[in-house]
Each structure stands twice: as structure tokens, then as C-alpha cells.
């Protein structure tokens, strides 16, 4: 399971990625990235080579206005959509 580490969705679990060769960014790496990038409030974020989409989801959780996630693996795109729909439903 992948866990959102901060922001509005903090602590929420996302579906485990079942796509081969795609791994989520580790929580400690995400923490370091966002310490450099913050504050994100009102900004647009590009999640290029999105993979699991956790960086984009974490950005939205931390206040980004919108996120564009680009991933060529169709299975990964479906998992990203599923994760976003899960969070939006809550």
C-alpha cells in the first residue's frame, strides 16, 4: 500500500500498484522533494513519468491547484485514475 504522507489526504492509503517495473517513490524521498518545492498552494504541477502517480497526488494533497500526470503505461494510468477517484470520493 502507498500512503500519502502530508496535506489534506495525509494518512490515506492508495491501492498497491500491480504493474510490473513500476515502484512508488519512497516516503522519505517524497518528503525531501516537497521540503524543497513547498509551498505548493495555487501552483500547477507536472508529474512526468508519473508511474504510480503518488507525487502528483501528494502535490494535490499539499495544495497544488492542478496536476498534469503523464505516463505511457496504460495499466499505470488506470491505477492513477483509480487512486484519484478513491481520494475524490472521500
N, C-alpha and C. Protein backbone atom coordinates (compact mmCIF):
# COMPACT_ATOMS: atom_id res chain seq x y z
N UNK A 1 0.83 -1.18 0.00
CA UNK A 1 0.00 0.00 0.00
C UNK A 1 0.88 1.24 0.00
N UNK A 2 0.37 2.26 -0.65
CA UNK A 2 1.06 3.54 -0.71
C UNK A 2 0.29 4.51 0.18
N UNK A 3 1.01 5.26 1.02
CA UNK A 3 0.36 6.18 1.94
C UNK A 3 0.74 7.62 1.60
N UNK A 4 -0.25 8.51 1.58
CA UNK A 4 0.00 9.93 1.41
C UNK A 4 0.57 10.43 2.73
N UNK A 5 1.70 11.16 2.67
CA UNK A 5 2.40 11.50 3.91
C UNK A 5 2.08 12.86 4.49
N UNK A 6 1.42 13.76 3.73
CA UNK A 6 1.13 15.09 4.29
C UNK A 6 -0.02 15.73 3.54
N UNK A 7 -0.55 16.79 4.11
CA UNK A 7 -1.59 17.57 3.46
C UNK A 7 -2.99 17.09 3.78
N UNK A 8 -3.94 17.48 2.94
CA UNK A 8 -5.36 17.16 3.15
C UNK A 8 -5.65 15.66 3.16
N UNK A 9 -4.89 14.89 2.40
CA UNK A 9 -5.11 13.45 2.31
C UNK A 9 -4.14 12.65 3.17
N UNK A 10 -3.50 13.32 4.12
CA UNK A 10 -2.48 12.66 4.95
C UNK A 10 -3.02 11.37 5.58
N UNK A 11 -2.23 10.31 5.45
CA UNK A 11 -2.58 9.03 6.05
C UNK A 11 -3.46 8.15 5.19
N UNK A 12 -3.99 8.68 4.10
CA UNK A 12 -4.87 7.88 3.23
C UNK A 12 -4.04 6.85 2.48
N UNK A 13 -4.56 5.65 2.40
CA UNK A 13 -3.88 4.57 1.69
C UNK A 13 -4.42 4.46 0.28
N UNK A 14 -3.52 4.24 -0.66
CA UNK A 14 -3.89 4.05 -2.05
C UNK A 14 -3.65 2.60 -2.43
N UNK A 15 -4.26 2.19 -3.49
CA UNK A 15 -4.11 0.80 -3.95
C UNK A 15 -2.66 0.49 -4.26
N UNK A 16 -2.27 -0.72 -3.97
CA UNK A 16 -0.92 -1.15 -4.30
C UNK A 16 -0.82 -1.29 -5.82
N UNK A 17 0.26 -0.78 -6.37
CA UNK A 17 0.48 -0.83 -7.81
C UNK A 17 0.85 -2.25 -8.21
N UNK A 18 0.06 -2.82 -9.10
CA UNK A 18 0.32 -4.19 -9.53
C UNK A 18 0.97 -4.23 -10.91
N UNK A 19 1.45 -3.08 -11.38
CA UNK A 19 2.08 -3.01 -12.69
C UNK A 19 3.56 -3.34 -12.53
N UNK A 20 4.02 -4.25 -13.36
CA UNK A 20 5.42 -4.66 -13.30
C UNK A 20 6.36 -3.51 -13.64
N UNK A 21 7.49 -3.45 -13.02
CA UNK A 21 8.55 -2.47 -13.28
C UNK A 21 8.20 -1.05 -12.85
N UNK A 22 7.14 -0.86 -12.07
CA UNK A 22 6.82 0.46 -11.56
C UNK A 22 6.78 0.39 -10.04
N UNK A 23 7.58 1.25 -9.41
CA UNK A 23 7.62 1.30 -7.96
C UNK A 23 7.29 2.71 -7.50
N UNK A 24 6.60 2.85 -6.38
CA UNK A 24 6.30 4.20 -5.88
C UNK A 24 7.56 4.85 -5.32
N UNK A 25 7.58 6.17 -5.37
CA UNK A 25 8.67 6.92 -4.77
C UNK A 25 8.60 6.73 -3.26
N UNK A 26 9.71 6.43 -2.63
CA UNK A 26 9.74 6.20 -1.19
C UNK A 26 9.29 7.45 -0.43
N UNK A 27 8.68 7.23 0.72
CA UNK A 27 8.15 8.34 1.53
C UNK A 27 9.24 9.33 1.92
N UNK A 28 10.42 8.84 2.26
CA UNK A 28 11.48 9.77 2.68
C UNK A 28 11.98 10.61 1.50
N UNK A 29 11.95 10.05 0.29
CA UNK A 29 12.33 10.82 -0.90
C UNK A 29 11.26 11.87 -1.19
N UNK A 30 9.98 11.49 -1.10
CA UNK A 30 8.89 12.45 -1.30
C UNK A 30 8.98 13.59 -0.30
N UNK A 31 9.26 13.26 0.95
CA UNK A 31 9.37 14.28 1.99
C UNK A 31 10.46 15.28 1.62
N UNK A 32 11.60 14.80 1.18
CA UNK A 32 12.71 15.68 0.80
C UNK A 32 12.36 16.54 -0.41
N UNK A 33 11.72 15.94 -1.40
CA UNK A 33 11.33 16.69 -2.60
C UNK A 33 10.39 17.83 -2.22
N UNK A 34 9.39 17.53 -1.40
CA UNK A 34 8.40 18.55 -1.07
C UNK A 34 8.95 19.59 -0.10
N UNK A 35 9.95 19.27 0.68
CA UNK A 35 10.59 20.28 1.52
C UNK A 35 11.28 21.33 0.65
N UNK A 36 11.79 20.90 -0.49
CA UNK A 36 12.43 21.81 -1.43
C UNK A 36 11.39 22.62 -2.20
N UNK A 37 10.31 21.98 -2.63
CA UNK A 37 9.33 22.62 -3.51
C UNK A 37 8.29 23.47 -2.79
N UNK A 38 8.01 23.18 -1.54
CA UNK A 38 6.92 23.89 -0.86
C UNK A 38 7.21 25.37 -0.71
N UNK A 39 6.19 26.21 -0.69
CA UNK A 39 4.76 25.92 -0.67
C UNK A 39 4.21 25.68 -2.08
N UNK A 40 3.22 24.81 -2.19
CA UNK A 40 2.62 24.46 -3.47
C UNK A 40 1.26 25.11 -3.68
N UNK A 41 0.73 25.81 -2.70
CA UNK A 41 -0.61 26.37 -2.78
C UNK A 41 -0.78 27.19 -4.06
N UNK A 42 -1.78 26.81 -4.85
CA UNK A 42 -2.12 27.55 -6.06
C UNK A 42 -1.22 27.30 -7.26
N UNK A 43 -0.27 26.42 -7.15
CA UNK A 43 0.66 26.17 -8.25
C UNK A 43 0.20 24.99 -9.09
N UNK A 44 0.68 24.95 -10.32
CA UNK A 44 0.44 23.82 -11.22
C UNK A 44 1.65 22.90 -11.16
N UNK A 45 1.41 21.60 -11.21
CA UNK A 45 2.48 20.61 -11.09
C UNK A 45 2.44 19.66 -12.28
N UNK A 46 3.61 19.36 -12.83
CA UNK A 46 3.74 18.37 -13.90
C UNK A 46 4.41 17.13 -13.31
N UNK A 47 3.70 16.01 -13.34
CA UNK A 47 4.25 14.74 -12.88
C UNK A 47 4.59 13.92 -14.12
N UNK A 48 5.77 14.15 -14.64
CA UNK A 48 6.22 13.50 -15.87
C UNK A 48 6.77 12.12 -15.52
N UNK A 49 6.43 11.12 -16.31
CA UNK A 49 6.75 9.73 -16.00
C UNK A 49 6.13 9.38 -14.66
N UNK A 50 4.83 9.56 -14.55
CA UNK A 50 4.10 9.52 -13.28
C UNK A 50 4.18 8.19 -12.55
N UNK A 51 4.26 7.09 -13.26
CA UNK A 51 4.35 5.79 -12.59
C UNK A 51 3.12 5.52 -11.76
N UNK A 52 3.27 5.55 -10.45
CA UNK A 52 2.14 5.31 -9.54
C UNK A 52 1.28 6.55 -9.37
N UNK A 53 1.80 7.72 -9.72
CA UNK A 53 1.06 8.96 -9.57
C UNK A 53 1.14 9.56 -8.18
N UNK A 54 1.91 8.96 -7.30
CA UNK A 54 1.94 9.40 -5.91
C UNK A 54 2.51 10.81 -5.77
N UNK A 55 3.46 11.21 -6.60
CA UNK A 55 3.98 12.57 -6.49
C UNK A 55 2.92 13.60 -6.85
N UNK A 56 2.12 13.32 -7.87
CA UNK A 56 1.03 14.22 -8.23
C UNK A 56 -0.05 14.26 -7.18
N UNK A 57 -0.40 13.11 -6.64
CA UNK A 57 -1.42 13.02 -5.59
C UNK A 57 -0.94 13.74 -4.33
N UNK A 58 0.30 13.55 -4.00
CA UNK A 58 0.89 14.24 -2.85
C UNK A 58 0.87 15.75 -3.07
N UNK A 59 1.11 16.20 -4.30
CA UNK A 59 1.07 17.63 -4.62
C UNK A 59 -0.31 18.21 -4.40
N UNK A 60 -1.33 17.50 -4.87
CA UNK A 60 -2.72 17.96 -4.68
C UNK A 60 -3.03 18.01 -3.18
N UNK A 61 -2.60 16.99 -2.47
CA UNK A 61 -2.83 16.93 -1.04
C UNK A 61 -2.21 18.14 -0.33
N UNK A 62 -1.09 18.61 -0.85
CA UNK A 62 -0.37 19.72 -0.23
C UNK A 62 -0.78 21.08 -0.78
N UNK A 63 -1.83 21.12 -1.61
CA UNK A 63 -2.38 22.41 -2.02
C UNK A 63 -2.16 22.83 -3.44
N UNK A 64 -1.59 21.99 -4.29
CA UNK A 64 -1.40 22.37 -5.69
C UNK A 64 -2.78 22.59 -6.34
N UNK A 65 -2.85 23.57 -7.22
CA UNK A 65 -4.10 23.90 -7.89
C UNK A 65 -4.51 22.79 -8.86
N UNK A 66 -3.55 22.33 -9.65
CA UNK A 66 -3.82 21.22 -10.56
C UNK A 66 -2.53 20.45 -10.84
N UNK A 67 -2.72 19.23 -11.31
CA UNK A 67 -1.59 18.35 -11.63
C UNK A 67 -1.83 17.74 -13.00
N UNK A 68 -0.80 17.75 -13.82
CA UNK A 68 -0.82 17.03 -15.08
C UNK A 68 0.12 15.85 -14.90
N UNK A 69 -0.44 14.63 -14.99
CA UNK A 69 0.36 13.41 -14.83
C UNK A 69 0.49 12.76 -16.21
N UNK A 70 1.71 12.50 -16.61
CA UNK A 70 1.97 11.87 -17.91
C UNK A 70 2.63 10.52 -17.67
N UNK A 71 2.00 9.48 -18.20
CA UNK A 71 2.52 8.12 -18.08
C UNK A 71 2.09 7.35 -19.32
N UNK A 72 3.01 6.63 -19.94
CA UNK A 72 2.65 5.92 -21.16
C UNK A 72 2.13 4.51 -20.92
N UNK A 73 2.39 3.96 -19.76
CA UNK A 73 1.90 2.62 -19.43
C UNK A 73 0.41 2.69 -19.11
N UNK A 74 -0.41 2.04 -19.91
CA UNK A 74 -1.87 2.13 -19.77
C UNK A 74 -2.35 1.56 -18.44
N UNK A 75 -1.74 0.50 -17.99
CA UNK A 75 -2.13 -0.09 -16.69
C UNK A 75 -1.85 0.89 -15.56
N UNK A 76 -0.70 1.55 -15.64
CA UNK A 76 -0.35 2.54 -14.61
C UNK A 76 -1.34 3.70 -14.64
N UNK A 77 -1.72 4.15 -15.83
CA UNK A 77 -2.71 5.23 -15.96
C UNK A 77 -4.03 4.84 -15.31
N UNK A 78 -4.45 3.61 -15.51
CA UNK A 78 -5.69 3.15 -14.89
C UNK A 78 -5.57 3.14 -13.37
N UNK A 79 -4.43 2.74 -12.85
CA UNK A 79 -4.23 2.74 -11.40
C UNK A 79 -4.21 4.17 -10.84
N UNK A 80 -3.63 5.10 -11.59
CA UNK A 80 -3.61 6.50 -11.16
C UNK A 80 -5.04 7.03 -11.10
N UNK A 81 -5.82 6.76 -12.14
CA UNK A 81 -7.23 7.19 -12.15
C UNK A 81 -8.00 6.59 -10.98
N UNK A 82 -7.76 5.30 -10.71
CA UNK A 82 -8.43 4.63 -9.61
C UNK A 82 -8.07 5.30 -8.27
N UNK A 83 -6.81 5.62 -8.08
CA UNK A 83 -6.37 6.27 -6.84
C UNK A 83 -7.00 7.65 -6.69
N UNK A 84 -7.02 8.42 -7.77
CA UNK A 84 -7.61 9.77 -7.72
C UNK A 84 -9.10 9.68 -7.43
N UNK A 85 -9.79 8.76 -8.10
CA UNK A 85 -11.23 8.59 -7.85
C UNK A 85 -11.49 8.17 -6.41
N UNK A 86 -10.64 7.34 -5.86
CA UNK A 86 -10.78 6.90 -4.47
C UNK A 86 -10.66 8.10 -3.53
N UNK A 87 -9.68 8.95 -3.75
CA UNK A 87 -9.50 10.12 -2.90
C UNK A 87 -10.62 11.15 -3.09
N UNK A 88 -11.06 11.35 -4.31
CA UNK A 88 -12.12 12.32 -4.58
C UNK A 88 -13.45 11.86 -4.00
N UNK A 89 -13.68 10.57 -3.95
CA UNK A 89 -14.92 10.04 -3.40
C UNK A 89 -14.99 10.29 -1.89
N UNK A 90 -13.84 10.32 -1.23
CA UNK A 90 -13.80 10.57 0.20
C UNK A 90 -14.00 12.04 0.48
